[in-house]
Amino acid sequence: TKEGETLLDHLINYSNDQNVLRDETLNILLAG
């Protein structure tokens, strides 16, 4: 990860599918 990079910034490097990004962040938000 880069300095100042958020988790969402990091996830975008794996997928540009906004549904996937939304689901992943929502799952982690539930836990967090």
PDB file of all heavy atoms in Angstrom:
ATOM      1  N   THR A   1       0.838  -1.194   0.000  1.00  0.00           N
ATOM      2  CA  THR A   1       0.000   0.000   0.000  1.00  0.00           C
ATOM      3  C   THR A   1       0.873   1.242   0.000  1.00  0.00           C
ATOM      4  O   THR A   1       2.006   1.234   0.487  1.00  0.00           O
ATOM      5  CB  THR A   1      -0.904   0.010   1.237  1.00  0.00           C
ATOM      6  OG1 THR A   1      -0.095  -0.018   2.414  1.00  0.00           O
ATOM      7  CG2 THR A   1      -1.842  -1.186   1.224  1.00  0.00           C
ATOM      8  N   LYS A   2       0.315   2.314  -0.532  1.00  0.00           N
ATOM      9  CA  LYS A   2       1.046   3.573  -0.616  1.00  0.00           C
ATOM     10  C   LYS A   2       0.724   4.450   0.589  1.00  0.00           C
ATOM     11  O   LYS A   2      -0.302   4.291   1.242  1.00  0.00           O
ATOM     12  CB  LYS A   2       0.684   4.300  -1.910  1.00  0.00           C
ATOM     13  CG  LYS A   2       1.045   3.529  -3.173  1.00  0.00           C
ATOM     14  CD  LYS A   2       0.631   4.310  -4.412  1.00  0.00           C
ATOM     15  CE  LYS A   2       0.986   3.547  -5.683  1.00  0.00           C
ATOM     16  NZ  LYS A   2       0.574   4.277  -6.912  1.00  0.00           N
ATOM     17  N   GLU A   3       1.600   5.397   0.836  1.00  0.00           N
ATOM     18  CA  GLU A   3       1.394   6.333   1.932  1.00  0.00           C
ATOM     19  C   GLU A   3       0.108   7.128   1.700  1.00  0.00           C
ATOM     20  O   GLU A   3      -0.120   7.673   0.621  1.00  0.00           O
ATOM     21  CB  GLU A   3       2.590   7.299   2.028  1.00  0.00           C
ATOM     22  CG  GLU A   3       2.502   8.272   3.179  1.00  0.00           C
ATOM     23  CD  GLU A   3       2.657   7.579   4.526  1.00  0.00           C
ATOM     24  OE1 GLU A   3       3.298   6.511   4.580  1.00  0.00           O
ATOM     25  OE2 GLU A   3       2.130   8.109   5.525  1.00  0.00           O
ATOM     26  N   GLY A   4      -0.747   7.162   2.721  1.00  0.00           N
ATOM     27  CA  GLY A   4      -1.986   7.914   2.624  1.00  0.00           C
ATOM     28  C   GLY A   4      -3.094   7.216   1.868  1.00  0.00           C
ATOM     29  O   GLY A   4      -4.181   7.781   1.688  1.00  0.00           O
ATOM     30  N   GLU A   5      -2.842   5.993   1.431  1.00  0.00           N
ATOM     31  CA  GLU A   5      -3.841   5.254   0.667  1.00  0.00           C
ATOM     32  C   GLU A   5      -4.876   4.644   1.599  1.00  0.00           C
ATOM     33  O   GLU A   5      -4.527   4.065   2.626  1.00  0.00           O
ATOM     34  CB  GLU A   5      -3.141   4.160  -0.139  1.00  0.00           C
ATOM     35  CG  GLU A   5      -4.035   3.461  -1.142  1.00  0.00           C
ATOM     36  CD  GLU A   5      -3.257   2.448  -1.969  1.00  0.00           C
ATOM     37  OE1 GLU A   5      -2.657   1.524  -1.376  1.00  0.00           O
ATOM     38  OE2 GLU A   5      -3.234   2.587  -3.203  1.00  0.00           O
ATOM     39  N   THR A   6      -6.155   4.781   1.254  1.00  0.00           N
ATOM     40  CA  THR A   6      -7.214   4.167   2.047  1.00  0.00           C
ATOM     41  C   THR A   6      -7.434   2.735   1.582  1.00  0.00           C
ATOM     42  O   THR A   6      -6.945   2.322   0.523  1.00  0.00           O
ATOM     43  CB  THR A   6      -8.531   4.943   1.918  1.00  0.00           C
ATOM     44  OG1 THR A   6      -9.035   4.782   0.581  1.00  0.00           O
ATOM     45  CG2 THR A   6      -8.331   6.422   2.211  1.00  0.00           C
ATOM     46  N   LEU A   7      -8.210   2.012   2.358  1.00  0.00           N
ATOM     47  CA  LEU A   7      -8.520   0.635   1.969  1.00  0.00           C
ATOM     48  C   LEU A   7      -9.281   0.613   0.657  1.00  0.00           C
ATOM     49  O   LEU A   7      -9.022  -0.236  -0.205  1.00  0.00           O
ATOM     50  CB  LEU A   7      -9.337  -0.054   3.061  1.00  0.00           C
ATOM     51  CG  LEU A   7      -9.807  -1.470   2.756  1.00  0.00           C
ATOM     52  CD1 LEU A   7      -8.639  -2.392   2.426  1.00  0.00           C
ATOM     53  CD2 LEU A   7     -10.592  -2.050   3.932  1.00  0.00           C
ATOM     54  N   LEU A   8     -10.206   1.546   0.471  1.00  0.00           N
ATOM     55  CA  LEU A   8     -10.955   1.590  -0.775  1.00  0.00           C
ATOM     56  C   LEU A   8     -10.027   1.901  -1.951  1.00  0.00           C
ATOM     57  O   LEU A   8     -10.147   1.300  -3.024  1.00  0.00           O
ATOM     58  CB  LEU A   8     -12.075   2.632  -0.683  1.00  0.00           C
ATOM     59  CG  LEU A   8     -12.992   2.759  -1.894  1.00  0.00           C
ATOM     60  CD1 LEU A   8     -13.613   1.421  -2.273  1.00  0.00           C
ATOM     61  CD2 LEU A   8     -14.078   3.791  -1.615  1.00  0.00           C
ATOM     62  N   ASP A   9      -9.081   2.825  -1.758  1.00  0.00           N
ATOM     63  CA  ASP A   9      -8.086   3.103  -2.806  1.00  0.00           C
ATOM     64  C   ASP A   9      -7.326   1.834  -3.173  1.00  0.00           C
ATOM     65  O   ASP A   9      -7.050   1.567  -4.350  1.00  0.00           O
ATOM     66  CB  ASP A   9      -7.081   4.167  -2.332  1.00  0.00           C
ATOM     67  CG  ASP A   9      -7.705   5.535  -2.148  1.00  0.00           C
ATOM     68  OD1 ASP A   9      -8.711   5.818  -2.829  1.00  0.00           O
ATOM     69  OD2 ASP A   9      -7.196   6.302  -1.320  1.00  0.00           O
ATOM     70  N   HIS A  10      -6.983   1.073  -2.163  1.00  0.00           N
ATOM     71  CA  HIS A  10      -6.229  -0.159  -2.370  1.00  0.00           C
ATOM     72  C   HIS A  10      -7.061  -1.191  -3.128  1.00  0.00           C
ATOM     73  O   HIS A  10      -6.574  -1.844  -4.059  1.00  0.00           O
ATOM     74  CB  HIS A  10      -5.795  -0.704  -1.004  1.00  0.00           C
ATOM     75  CG  HIS A  10      -5.094  -2.016  -1.045  1.00  0.00           C
ATOM     76  ND1 HIS A  10      -3.846  -2.194  -1.613  1.00  0.00           N
ATOM     77  CD2 HIS A  10      -5.473  -3.240  -0.589  1.00  0.00           C
ATOM     78  CE1 HIS A  10      -3.485  -3.465  -1.493  1.00  0.00           C
ATOM     79  NE2 HIS A  10      -4.459  -4.122  -0.883  1.00  0.00           N
ATOM     80  N   LEU A  11      -8.335  -1.324  -2.770  1.00  0.00           N
ATOM     81  CA  LEU A  11      -9.196  -2.326  -3.399  1.00  0.00           C
ATOM     82  C   LEU A  11      -9.425  -2.033  -4.874  1.00  0.00           C
ATOM     83  O   LEU A  11      -9.615  -2.956  -5.673  1.00  0.00           O
ATOM     84  CB  LEU A  11     -10.543  -2.397  -2.671  1.00  0.00           C
ATOM     85  CG  LEU A  11     -10.532  -2.914  -1.228  1.00  0.00           C
ATOM     86  CD1 LEU A  11     -11.933  -2.878  -0.645  1.00  0.00           C
ATOM     87  CD2 LEU A  11      -9.958  -4.315  -1.151  1.00  0.00           C
ATOM     88  N   ILE A  12      -9.403  -0.755  -5.232  1.00  0.00           N
ATOM     89  CA  ILE A  12      -9.644  -0.382  -6.627  1.00  0.00           C
ATOM     90  C   ILE A  12      -8.576  -0.957  -7.545  1.00  0.00           C
ATOM     91  O   ILE A  12      -8.810  -1.162  -8.745  1.00  0.00           O
ATOM     92  CB  ILE A  12      -9.734   1.159  -6.757  1.00  0.00           C
ATOM     93  CG1 ILE A  12     -11.017   1.654  -6.080  1.00  0.00           C
ATOM     94  CG2 ILE A  12      -9.709   1.611  -8.201  1.00  0.00           C
ATOM     95  CD1 ILE A  12     -11.118   3.152  -5.967  1.00  0.00           C
ATOM     96  N   ASN A  13      -7.405  -1.261  -6.997  1.00  0.00           N
ATOM     97  CA  ASN A  13      -6.354  -1.867  -7.810  1.00  0.00           C
ATOM     98  C   ASN A  13      -6.659  -3.312  -8.188  1.00  0.00           C
ATOM     99  O   ASN A  13      -5.993  -3.884  -9.045  1.00  0.00           O
ATOM    100  CB  ASN A  13      -5.016  -1.803  -7.060  1.00  0.00           C
ATOM    101  CG  ASN A  13      -4.485  -0.400  -6.953  1.00  0.00           C
ATOM    102  OD1 ASN A  13      -3.906   0.133  -7.887  1.00  0.00           O
ATOM    103  ND2 ASN A  13      -4.703   0.226  -5.805  1.00  0.00           N
ATOM    104  N   TYR A  14      -7.665  -3.904  -7.538  1.00  0.00           N
ATOM    105  CA  TYR A  14      -8.029  -5.284  -7.817  1.00  0.00           C
ATOM    106  C   TYR A  14      -9.267  -5.398  -8.695  1.00  0.00           C
ATOM    107  O   TYR A  14      -9.479  -6.414  -9.335  1.00  0.00           O
ATOM    108  CB  TYR A  14      -8.292  -6.033  -6.501  1.00  0.00           C
ATOM    109  CG  TYR A  14      -7.073  -6.200  -5.631  1.00  0.00           C
ATOM    110  CD1 TYR A  14      -6.675  -5.195  -4.764  1.00  0.00           C
ATOM    111  CD2 TYR A  14      -6.313  -7.363  -5.695  1.00  0.00           C
ATOM    112  CE1 TYR A  14      -5.560  -5.351  -3.956  1.00  0.00           C
ATOM    113  CE2 TYR A  14      -5.204  -7.526  -4.896  1.00  0.00           C
ATOM    114  CZ  TYR A  14      -4.821  -6.511  -4.028  1.00  0.00           C
ATOM    115  OH  TYR A  14      -3.715  -6.679  -3.240  1.00  0.00           O
ATOM    116  N   SER A  15     -10.081  -4.377  -8.694  1.00  0.00           N
ATOM    117  CA  SER A  15     -11.333  -4.460  -9.448  1.00  0.00           C
ATOM    118  C   SER A  15     -11.882  -3.063  -9.712  1.00  0.00           C
ATOM    119  O   SER A  15     -11.741  -2.163  -8.877  1.00  0.00           O
ATOM    120  CB  SER A  15     -12.373  -5.285  -8.666  1.00  0.00           C
ATOM    121  OG  SER A  15     -13.618  -5.277  -9.328  1.00  0.00           O
ATOM    122  N   ASN A  16     -12.494  -2.893 -10.870  1.00  0.00           N
ATOM    123  CA  ASN A  16     -13.227  -1.657 -11.139  1.00  0.00           C
ATOM    124  C   ASN A  16     -14.730  -1.899 -11.139  1.00  0.00           C
ATOM    125  O   ASN A  16     -15.511  -1.038 -11.534  1.00  0.00           O
ATOM    126  CB  ASN A  16     -12.785  -1.034 -12.471  1.00  0.00           C
ATOM    127  CG  ASN A  16     -13.142  -1.940 -13.654  1.00  0.00           C
ATOM    128  OD1 ASN A  16     -13.554  -3.089 -13.479  1.00  0.00           O
ATOM    129  ND2 ASN A  16     -12.971  -1.413 -14.862  1.00  0.00           N
ATOM    130  N   ASP A  17     -15.130  -3.087 -10.690  1.00  0.00           N
ATOM    131  CA  ASP A  17     -16.542  -3.415 -10.572  1.00  0.00           C
ATOM    132  C   ASP A  17     -17.065  -2.762  -9.292  1.00  0.00           C
ATOM    133  O   ASP A  17     -16.713  -3.163  -8.181  1.00  0.00           O
ATOM    134  CB  ASP A  17     -16.727  -4.935 -10.498  1.00  0.00           C
ATOM    135  CG  ASP A  17     -18.193  -5.352 -10.523  1.00  0.00           C
ATOM    136  OD1 ASP A  17     -19.026  -4.621  -9.975  1.00  0.00           O
ATOM    137  OD2 ASP A  17     -18.491  -6.435 -11.075  1.00  0.00           O
ATOM    138  N   GLN A  18     -17.910  -1.766  -9.451  1.00  0.00           N
ATOM    139  CA  GLN A  18     -18.355  -1.003  -8.295  1.00  0.00           C
ATOM    140  C   GLN A  18     -19.225  -1.830  -7.360  1.00  0.00           C
ATOM    141  O   GLN A  18     -19.281  -1.563  -6.158  1.00  0.00           O
ATOM    142  CB  GLN A  18     -19.088   0.260  -8.750  1.00  0.00           C
ATOM    143  CG  GLN A  18     -18.159   1.235  -9.468  1.00  0.00           C
ATOM    144  CD  GLN A  18     -18.808   2.576  -9.738  1.00  0.00           C
ATOM    145  OE1 GLN A  18     -19.831   2.925  -9.172  1.00  0.00           O
ATOM    146  NE2 GLN A  18     -18.199   3.351 -10.627  1.00  0.00           N
ATOM    147  N   ASN A  19     -19.902  -2.844  -7.875  1.00  0.00           N
ATOM    148  CA  ASN A  19     -20.673  -3.727  -7.000  1.00  0.00           C
ATOM    149  C   ASN A  19     -19.752  -4.532  -6.084  1.00  0.00           C
ATOM    150  O   ASN A  19     -20.025  -4.703  -4.901  1.00  0.00           O
ATOM    151  CB  ASN A  19     -21.550  -4.670  -7.828  1.00  0.00           C
ATOM    152  CG  ASN A  19     -22.697  -3.961  -8.510  1.00  0.00           C
ATOM    153  OD1 ASN A  19     -23.197  -2.952  -8.014  1.00  0.00           O
ATOM    154  ND2 ASN A  19     -23.110  -4.467  -9.661  1.00  0.00           N
ATOM    155  N   VAL A  20     -18.655  -5.017  -6.662  1.00  0.00           N
ATOM    156  CA  VAL A  20     -17.675  -5.766  -5.864  1.00  0.00           C
ATOM    157  C   VAL A  20     -17.052  -4.867  -4.806  1.00  0.00           C
ATOM    158  O   VAL A  20     -16.930  -5.247  -3.625  1.00  0.00           O
ATOM    159  CB  VAL A  20     -16.580  -6.363  -6.776  1.00  0.00           C
ATOM    160  CG1 VAL A  20     -15.448  -6.967  -5.944  1.00  0.00           C
ATOM    161  CG2 VAL A  20     -17.167  -7.407  -7.708  1.00  0.00           C
ATOM    162  N   LEU A  21     -16.675  -3.660  -5.203  1.00  0.00           N
ATOM    163  CA  LEU A  21     -16.068  -2.720  -4.266  1.00  0.00           C
ATOM    164  C   LEU A  21     -17.041  -2.345  -3.151  1.00  0.00           C
ATOM    165  O   LEU A  21     -16.670  -2.265  -1.982  1.00  0.00           O
ATOM    166  CB  LEU A  21     -15.611  -1.463  -5.010  1.00  0.00           C
ATOM    167  CG  LEU A  21     -14.500  -1.664  -6.038  1.00  0.00           C
ATOM    168  CD1 LEU A  21     -14.298  -0.395  -6.854  1.00  0.00           C
ATOM    169  CD2 LEU A  21     -13.199  -2.065  -5.350  1.00  0.00           C
ATOM    170  N   ARG A  22     -18.299  -2.124  -3.528  1.00  0.00           N
ATOM    171  CA  ARG A  22     -19.317  -1.778  -2.529  1.00  0.00           C
ATOM    172  C   ARG A  22     -19.511  -2.917  -1.534  1.00  0.00           C
ATOM    173  O   ARG A  22     -19.536  -2.711  -0.324  1.00  0.00           O
ATOM    174  CB  ARG A  22     -20.641  -1.463  -3.222  1.00  0.00           C
ATOM    175  CG  ARG A  22     -21.781  -1.065  -2.288  1.00  0.00           C
ATOM    176  CD  ARG A  22     -23.108  -1.228  -2.981  1.00  0.00           C
ATOM    177  NE  ARG A  22     -23.378  -2.627  -3.314  1.00  0.00           N
ATOM    178  CZ  ARG A  22     -24.089  -3.017  -4.361  1.00  0.00           C
ATOM    179  NH1 ARG A  22     -24.576  -2.133  -5.214  1.00  0.00           N
ATOM    180  NH2 ARG A  22     -24.295  -4.312  -4.584  1.00  0.00           N
ATOM    181  N   ASP A  23     -19.635  -4.147  -2.063  1.00  0.00           N
ATOM    182  CA  ASP A  23     -19.860  -5.299  -1.180  1.00  0.00           C
ATOM    183  C   ASP A  23     -18.681  -5.522  -0.242  1.00  0.00           C
ATOM    184  O   ASP A  23     -18.862  -5.820   0.948  1.00  0.00           O
ATOM    185  CB  ASP A  23     -20.109  -6.562  -2.014  1.00  0.00           C
ATOM    186  CG  ASP A  23     -21.428  -6.512  -2.773  1.00  0.00           C
ATOM    187  OD1 ASP A  23     -22.268  -5.655  -2.453  1.00  0.00           O
ATOM    188  OD2 ASP A  23     -21.605  -7.327  -3.693  1.00  0.00           O
ATOM    189  N   GLU A  24     -17.474  -5.384  -0.780  1.00  0.00           N
ATOM    190  CA  GLU A  24     -16.290  -5.630   0.042  1.00  0.00           C
ATOM    191  C   GLU A  24     -16.181  -4.609   1.172  1.00  0.00           C
ATOM    192  O   GLU A  24     -15.941  -4.965   2.332  1.00  0.00           O
ATOM    193  CB  GLU A  24     -15.034  -5.576  -0.824  1.00  0.00           C
ATOM    194  CG  GLU A  24     -13.804  -6.175  -0.173  1.00  0.00           C
ATOM    195  CD  GLU A  24     -13.937  -7.677   0.037  1.00  0.00           C
ATOM    196  OE1 GLU A  24     -14.550  -8.362  -0.796  1.00  0.00           O
ATOM    197  OE2 GLU A  24     -13.435  -8.163   1.073  1.00  0.00           O
ATOM    198  N   THR A  25     -16.369  -3.337   0.844  1.00  0.00           N
ATOM    199  CA  THR A  25     -16.274  -2.311   1.878  1.00  0.00           C
ATOM    200  C   THR A  25     -17.412  -2.431   2.886  1.00  0.00           C
ATOM    201  O   THR A  25     -17.214  -2.204   4.081  1.00  0.00           O
ATOM    202  CB  THR A  25     -16.286  -0.902   1.253  1.00  0.00           C
ATOM    203  OG1 THR A  25     -17.419  -0.777   0.377  1.00  0.00           O
ATOM    204  CG2 THR A  25     -15.019  -0.652   0.463  1.00  0.00           C
ATOM    205  N   LEU A  26     -18.585  -2.813   2.412  1.00  0.00           N
ATOM    206  CA  LEU A  26     -19.715  -2.983   3.326  1.00  0.00           C
ATOM    207  C   LEU A  26     -19.468  -4.131   4.297  1.00  0.00           C
ATOM    208  O   LEU A  26     -19.781  -4.028   5.491  1.00  0.00           O
ATOM    209  CB  LEU A  26     -21.001  -3.229   2.532  1.00  0.00           C
ATOM    210  CG  LEU A  26     -22.288  -3.322   3.356  1.00  0.00           C
ATOM    211  CD1 LEU A  26     -22.552  -2.002   4.072  1.00  0.00           C
ATOM    212  CD2 LEU A  26     -23.466  -3.670   2.466  1.00  0.00           C
ATOM    213  N   ASN A  27     -18.895  -5.229   3.819  1.00  0.00           N
ATOM    214  CA  ASN A  27     -18.560  -6.354   4.691  1.00  0.00           C
ATOM    215  C   ASN A  27     -17.585  -5.922   5.781  1.00  0.00           C
ATOM    216  O   ASN A  27     -17.755  -6.257   6.962  1.00  0.00           O
ATOM    217  CB  ASN A  27     -17.946  -7.493   3.880  1.00  0.00           C
ATOM    218  CG  ASN A  27     -18.967  -8.403   3.223  1.00  0.00           C
ATOM    219  OD1 ASN A  27     -18.984  -9.608   3.435  1.00  0.00           O
ATOM    220  ND2 ASN A  27     -19.846  -7.842   2.411  1.00  0.00           N
ATOM    221  N   ILE A  28     -16.569  -5.181   5.396  1.00  0.00           N
ATOM    222  CA  ILE A  28     -15.562  -4.756   6.362  1.00  0.00           C
ATOM    223  C   ILE A  28     -16.139  -3.702   7.301  1.00  0.00           C
ATOM    224  O   ILE A  28     -15.808  -3.662   8.493  1.00  0.00           O
ATOM    225  CB  ILE A  28     -14.309  -4.240   5.632  1.00  0.00           C
ATOM    226  CG1 ILE A  28     -13.708  -5.375   4.791  1.00  0.00           C
ATOM    227  CG2 ILE A  28     -13.280  -3.720   6.619  1.00  0.00           C
ATOM    228  CD1 ILE A  28     -12.599  -4.948   3.881  1.00  0.00           C
ATOM    229  N   LEU A  29     -17.028  -2.860   6.782  1.00  0.00           N
ATOM    230  CA  LEU A  29     -17.686  -1.875   7.635  1.00  0.00           C
ATOM    231  C   LEU A  29     -18.544  -2.559   8.690  1.00  0.00           C
ATOM    232  O   LEU A  29     -18.604  -2.125   9.841  1.00  0.00           O
ATOM    233  CB  LEU A  29     -18.548  -0.937   6.778  1.00  0.00           C
ATOM    234  CG  LEU A  29     -19.291   0.173   7.519  1.00  0.00           C
ATOM    235  CD1 LEU A  29     -18.310   1.071   8.258  1.00  0.00           C
ATOM    236  CD2 LEU A  29     -20.136   0.995   6.548  1.00  0.00           C
ATOM    237  N   LEU A  30     -19.226  -3.632   8.307  1.00  0.00           N
ATOM    238  CA  LEU A  30     -20.026  -4.398   9.264  1.00  0.00           C
ATOM    239  C   LEU A  30     -19.149  -4.893  10.404  1.00  0.00           C
ATOM    240  O   LEU A  30     -19.505  -4.783  11.591  1.00  0.00           O
ATOM    241  CB  LEU A  30     -20.702  -5.579   8.564  1.00  0.00           C
ATOM    242  CG  LEU A  30     -21.375  -6.621   9.469  1.00  0.00           C
ATOM    243  CD1 LEU A  30     -22.537  -6.001  10.218  1.00  0.00           C
ATOM    244  CD2 LEU A  30     -21.849  -7.823   8.657  1.00  0.00           C
ATOM    245  N   ALA A  31     -17.978  -5.435  10.049  1.00  0.00           N
ATOM    246  CA  ALA A  31     -17.070  -5.944  11.076  1.00  0.00           C
ATOM    247  C   ALA A  31     -16.449  -4.809  11.883  1.00  0.00           C
ATOM    248  O   ALA A  31     -16.323  -4.900  13.110  1.00  0.00           O
ATOM    249  CB  ALA A  31     -15.972  -6.781  10.419  1.00  0.00           C
ATOM    250  N   GLY A  32     -16.085  -3.734  11.201  1.00  0.00           N
ATOM    251  CA  GLY A  32     -15.391  -2.642  11.871  1.00  0.00           C
ATOM    252  C   GLY A  32     -16.292  -1.787  12.736  1.00  0.00           C
ATOM    253  O   GLY A  32     -15.829  -1.172  13.702  1.00  0.00           O
TER     254      GLY A  32
END
